[in-house]
Amino acid sequence: GSVTVSQDDMKRLEPEQYLNDTIIEAYLRIINNTSEPNISHTAQDTHIFSPFFYTRLTQGVINNTNIDYDGVQKWTTDINLFEKKYVFIPVLEQ
């Protein structure tokens, strides 16, 4: 899927502003899809979760309920994480 970066998201790139989930996700997709000769990994070796994954995964903990494994199952339906060399889970908290 693609990432839509709005004008409000772009304002997060200005000095003294905090980055948001959308900017982080867009950047991670760019670096994962960029081939550099000195980097030995490929996009096939790596899975980068959306920054929204951790938020969804831990939402139950924050609300004093159980972790919503069924709610996040769709995030890994088409991916075998055990075949990946690198798995990134961005954690963005206040």
Protein backbone atom coordinates (compact mmCIF):
# COMPACT_ATOMS: atom_id res chain seq x y z
CA GLY A 1 0.00 0.00 0.00
CA SER A 2 0.92 3.59 -0.35
CA VAL A 3 1.27 6.30 2.26
CA THR A 4 -0.57 9.57 1.79
CA VAL A 5 1.36 12.51 3.23
CA SER A 6 -0.82 15.57 3.75
CA GLN A 7 0.20 19.22 3.99
CA ASP A 8 -0.26 19.01 7.77
CA ASP A 9 2.11 16.02 7.82
CA MET A 10 4.67 18.01 5.82
CA LYS A 11 4.58 20.76 8.45
CA ARG A 12 6.00 18.17 10.85
CA LEU A 13 9.28 18.38 8.91
CA GLU A 14 9.80 21.99 9.92
CA PRO A 15 12.32 22.83 12.67
CA GLU A 16 11.24 22.24 16.27
CA GLN A 17 8.31 20.04 15.22
CA TYR A 18 7.82 16.40 16.20
CA LEU A 19 7.52 13.80 13.48
CA ASN A 20 4.22 11.94 13.29
CA ASP A 21 3.31 8.35 12.38
CA THR A 22 2.68 9.17 8.72
CA ILE A 23 6.08 10.83 8.20
CA ILE A 24 7.85 7.94 9.95
CA GLU A 25 5.98 5.36 7.87
CA ALA A 26 6.72 7.16 4.59
CA TYR A 27 10.42 7.44 5.44
CA LEU A 28 10.70 3.77 6.44
CA ARG A 29 9.11 2.73 3.15
CA ILE A 30 11.51 4.93 1.21
CA ILE A 31 14.61 3.52 2.86
CA ASN A 32 13.36 -0.06 2.59
CA ASN A 33 12.75 0.33 -1.15
CA THR A 34 16.03 2.11 -1.89
CA SER A 35 18.90 -0.05 -3.05
CA GLU A 36 22.31 0.98 -1.81
CA PRO A 37 25.40 -0.93 -2.98
CA ASN A 38 26.92 -1.00 0.53
CA ILE A 39 23.81 -2.41 2.20
CA SER A 40 23.52 -6.17 2.04
CA HIS A 41 19.81 -6.49 2.83
CA THR A 42 17.00 -6.36 0.33
CA ALA A 43 13.36 -5.45 0.76
CA GLN A 44 12.58 -9.18 0.65
CA ASP A 45 14.78 -9.73 3.75
CA THR A 46 13.03 -7.01 5.72
CA HIS A 47 9.55 -6.34 7.03
CA ILE A 48 8.76 -2.93 8.43
CA PHE A 49 5.51 -2.61 10.31
CA SER A 50 3.54 0.60 10.16
CA PRO A 51 3.94 2.82 13.21
CA PHE A 52 0.22 2.24 13.73
CA PHE A 53 0.87 -1.49 14.38
CA TYR A 54 2.39 -0.96 17.83
CA THR A 55 -0.37 1.45 18.76
CA ARG A 56 -3.00 -1.13 17.78
CA LEU A 57 -1.15 -3.98 19.47
CA THR A 58 -0.82 -2.18 22.79
CA GLN A 59 -4.23 -0.52 22.77
CA GLY A 60 -5.61 -3.23 25.08
CA VAL A 61 -2.80 -2.74 27.57
CA ILE A 62 -3.48 0.99 27.71
CA ASN A 63 -7.19 0.33 28.29
CA ASN A 64 -6.45 -2.32 30.97
CA THR A 65 -7.77 -5.13 28.77
CA ASN A 66 -6.01 -7.90 26.90
CA ILE A 67 -3.80 -7.39 23.86
CA ASP A 68 -5.99 -7.57 20.75
CA TYR A 69 -4.19 -10.36 18.89
CA ASP A 70 -7.14 -10.88 16.54
CA GLY A 71 -7.14 -7.18 15.72
CA VAL A 72 -3.51 -7.24 14.62
CA GLN A 73 -3.59 -10.65 12.94
CA LYS A 74 -4.45 -9.05 9.59
CA TRP A 75 -1.14 -7.16 9.72
CA THR A 76 0.77 -10.46 9.29
CA THR A 77 -1.65 -12.53 7.21
CA ASP A 78 0.48 -12.47 4.04
CA ILE A 79 3.88 -12.38 5.76
CA ASN A 80 6.00 -15.11 7.30
CA LEU A 81 8.04 -13.10 9.78
CA PHE A 82 10.28 -16.09 10.49
CA GLU A 83 11.61 -15.91 6.91
CA LYS A 84 12.75 -12.32 7.37
CA LYS A 85 16.23 -11.31 8.48
CA TYR A 86 15.03 -8.00 9.87
CA VAL A 87 11.70 -7.02 11.42
CA PHE A 88 11.17 -3.41 12.48
CA ILE A 89 8.38 -2.32 14.78
CA PRO A 90 8.46 1.48 15.11
CA VAL A 91 7.41 2.59 18.58
CA LEU A 92 6.15 6.17 18.72
CA GLU A 93 4.87 7.27 22.07
CA GLN A 94 4.32 10.62 23.71
